[in-house]
Amino acid sequence: MAKRYWLMKTEPDVFSIRDLKARPGKTEAWNGVRNYTARNHMRDLMSVGDGVLFYHSSVTPAGVAGLAVVAKKAYPDPTAMDPKSEYFDAKAKPGINPWVMVDVKFQQEFPALVTLDQMKQTPGLEGIMVTRKGMRLSVQPVTAEEFAIVAKLGGG
């Protein structure tokens, strides 16, 4: 199967590219996804080795902070069953937990963000989902070409 590419959004005050870089093994579970489309991308389409554009959202400026790779295929997200977690879902039960997570592994931190504005102005990125008005999906597919353009802009 061909390698796929993704843009995964995170708020840097919650979990940043530097946090990922500092983790043991530079690997972390990508938990807390509570959108069915994003969940389906992770559950049905992501594979170990897929490339990730690590996107810092809800900051000014927002943008891609670096690169990661999918390190572990989707598996049940236990935060859905933890009443103390902000990601708790009362409908999730052992054996019927609809929510999954993948593990991602750090590859590179960019010297500077590849900003959303920069992506909007870059030829070849006209179709990248993150530039669409109202696109809030936290896990988005990107093409190999889009991934390569953003990686080059970031110095990767």
Protein backbone atom coordinates (compact mmCIF):
# COMPACT_ATOMS: atom_id res chain seq x y z
CA MET A 1 0.00 0.00 0.00
CA ALA A 2 1.22 3.48 -0.84
CA LYS A 3 2.31 5.80 1.94
CA ARG A 4 -0.22 8.44 2.95
CA TYR A 5 0.27 11.92 4.34
CA TRP A 6 -1.63 13.85 7.00
CA LEU A 7 -1.91 17.22 8.68
CA MET A 8 -2.61 16.80 12.39
CA LYS A 9 -3.64 19.81 14.45
CA THR A 10 -2.74 20.43 18.06
CA GLU A 11 -2.78 23.45 20.32
CA PRO A 12 0.84 24.09 21.29
CA ASP A 13 -0.06 25.07 24.87
CA VAL A 14 -1.57 21.56 25.21
CA PHE A 15 0.98 19.57 23.19
CA SER A 16 3.61 21.06 20.89
CA ILE A 17 6.26 19.77 18.51
CA ARG A 18 8.80 20.46 21.27
CA ASP A 19 6.78 18.32 23.68
CA LEU A 20 6.89 15.48 21.16
CA LYS A 21 10.63 15.98 20.66
CA ALA A 22 11.15 15.75 24.46
CA ARG A 23 9.16 12.51 24.93
CA PRO A 24 10.98 9.26 25.63
CA GLY A 25 11.59 7.67 22.25
CA LYS A 26 10.23 10.91 20.77
CA THR A 27 6.86 9.11 20.50
CA GLU A 28 3.44 10.01 21.87
CA ALA A 29 -0.16 8.80 21.61
CA TRP A 30 -2.39 11.17 19.62
CA ASN A 31 -5.44 10.91 21.85
CA GLY A 32 -8.56 12.95 22.41
CA VAL A 33 -9.85 13.01 18.82
CA ARG A 34 -13.63 13.28 19.08
CA ASN A 35 -14.68 13.91 15.50
CA TYR A 36 -15.92 10.92 13.51
CA THR A 37 -14.27 11.94 10.22
CA ALA A 38 -10.90 12.47 11.92
CA ARG A 39 -11.38 9.19 13.81
CA ASN A 40 -12.15 7.37 10.55
CA HIS A 41 -8.96 8.73 8.97
CA MET A 42 -6.93 7.37 11.88
CA ARG A 43 -8.81 4.08 12.20
CA ASP A 44 -9.28 3.18 8.54
CA LEU A 45 -6.55 4.90 6.56
CA MET A 46 -3.48 5.64 8.68
CA SER A 47 -0.58 3.24 8.57
CA VAL A 48 2.78 3.03 10.29
CA GLY A 49 5.23 5.15 8.31
CA ASP A 50 2.71 7.70 7.06
CA GLY A 51 4.04 11.26 7.10
CA VAL A 52 2.56 13.93 9.38
CA LEU A 53 2.60 17.71 9.11
CA PHE A 54 2.52 18.73 12.79
CA TYR A 55 0.26 21.80 12.86
CA HIS A 56 0.00 24.28 15.73
CA SER A 57 -3.57 25.65 15.85
CA SER A 58 -5.40 28.21 17.98
CA VAL A 59 -2.33 30.47 18.04
CA THR A 60 -1.25 33.51 16.06
CA PRO A 61 0.20 32.72 13.69
CA ALA A 62 -0.99 29.17 13.19
CA GLY A 63 1.06 26.83 11.05
CA VAL A 64 3.09 23.69 10.55
CA ALA A 65 5.79 23.43 13.23
CA GLY A 66 7.51 20.31 11.97
CA LEU A 67 7.28 16.73 10.78
CA ALA A 68 6.32 13.48 12.45
CA VAL A 69 5.51 9.97 11.32
CA VAL A 70 2.77 7.54 12.32
CA ALA A 71 4.54 5.06 14.63
CA LYS A 72 1.64 2.83 15.70
CA LYS A 73 -1.61 1.93 13.95
CA ALA A 74 -4.93 2.96 15.50
CA TYR A 75 -5.95 1.40 18.81
CA PRO A 76 -8.63 2.21 21.43
CA ASP A 77 -8.28 5.60 23.14
CA PRO A 78 -8.60 4.98 26.90
CA THR A 79 -9.20 8.68 27.64
CA ALA A 80 -12.75 8.16 26.32
CA MET A 81 -13.46 5.89 29.31
CA ASP A 82 -11.71 7.99 31.95
CA PRO A 83 -14.25 10.17 33.80
CA LYS A 84 -11.39 12.45 34.93
CA SER A 85 -10.28 13.10 31.35
CA GLU A 86 -11.47 16.13 29.38
CA TYR A 87 -11.93 13.64 26.51
CA PHE A 88 -14.34 11.40 28.48
CA ASP A 89 -17.29 10.02 26.51
CA ALA A 90 -20.02 8.45 28.67
CA LYS A 91 -21.06 6.25 25.72
CA ALA A 92 -17.64 4.58 25.55
CA LYS A 93 -17.37 1.26 27.37
CA PRO A 94 -14.81 -1.55 27.31
CA GLY A 95 -15.33 -3.40 24.04
CA ILE A 96 -17.52 -0.64 22.57
CA ASN A 97 -15.21 2.35 22.62
CA PRO A 98 -15.72 4.19 19.32
CA TRP A 99 -12.62 6.36 19.76
CA VAL A 100 -9.11 5.51 18.66
CA MET A 101 -5.65 7.02 18.72
CA VAL A 102 -2.40 6.48 16.89
CA ASP A 103 1.15 7.00 18.08
CA VAL A 104 3.26 9.60 16.31
CA LYS A 105 7.03 9.91 16.34
CA PHE A 106 9.02 13.13 16.07
CA GLN A 107 11.04 13.66 12.90
CA GLN A 108 11.89 17.35 12.68
CA GLU A 109 11.10 20.73 14.18
CA PHE A 110 11.14 23.56 11.64
CA PRO A 111 13.27 26.64 12.42
CA ALA A 112 10.08 28.72 11.97
CA LEU A 113 6.42 27.90 11.44
CA VAL A 114 5.18 27.45 7.90
CA THR A 115 2.25 29.75 8.56
CA LEU A 116 -1.29 29.35 7.32
CA ASP A 117 -0.93 32.65 5.44
CA GLN A 118 2.26 31.40 3.81
CA MET A 119 0.52 28.19 2.72
CA LYS A 120 -2.38 30.19 1.27
CA GLN A 121 0.09 32.09 -0.93
CA THR A 122 2.21 29.13 -2.05
CA PRO A 123 1.69 27.64 -5.52
CA GLY A 124 0.82 23.96 -5.28
CA LEU A 125 -1.04 24.36 -2.00
CA GLU A 126 -4.27 25.73 -3.44
CA GLY A 127 -6.11 22.51 -2.56
CA ILE A 128 -4.65 21.78 0.89
CA MET A 129 -7.63 21.43 3.21
CA VAL A 130 -6.28 23.51 6.09
CA THR A 131 -6.49 26.70 3.98
CA ARG A 132 -10.22 26.32 3.40
CA LYS A 133 -12.43 28.70 5.34
CA GLY A 134 -14.12 26.90 8.24
CA MET A 135 -11.95 23.76 7.96
CA ARG A 136 -11.51 22.72 11.58
CA LEU A 137 -10.89 18.98 11.13
CA SER A 138 -8.00 17.95 13.39
CA VAL A 139 -6.76 15.11 11.18
CA GLN A 140 -6.72 15.92 7.47
CA PRO A 141 -5.31 14.08 4.48
CA VAL A 142 -2.72 15.89 2.37
CA THR A 143 -1.25 14.80 -0.93
CA ALA A 144 2.36 13.71 -1.32
CA GLU A 145 2.95 16.90 -3.32
CA GLU A 146 1.44 19.14 -0.62
CA PHE A 147 3.48 17.36 2.05
CA ALA A 148 6.68 17.85 0.04
CA ILE A 149 5.98 21.55 -0.57
CA VAL A 150 5.30 22.28 3.11
CA ALA A 151 8.33 20.22 4.19
CA LYS A 152 10.53 22.20 1.77
CA LEU A 153 9.11 25.52 3.03
CA GLY A 154 9.96 24.40 6.55
CA GLY A 155 13.45 23.31 5.67
CA GLY A 156 12.67 19.59 5.82
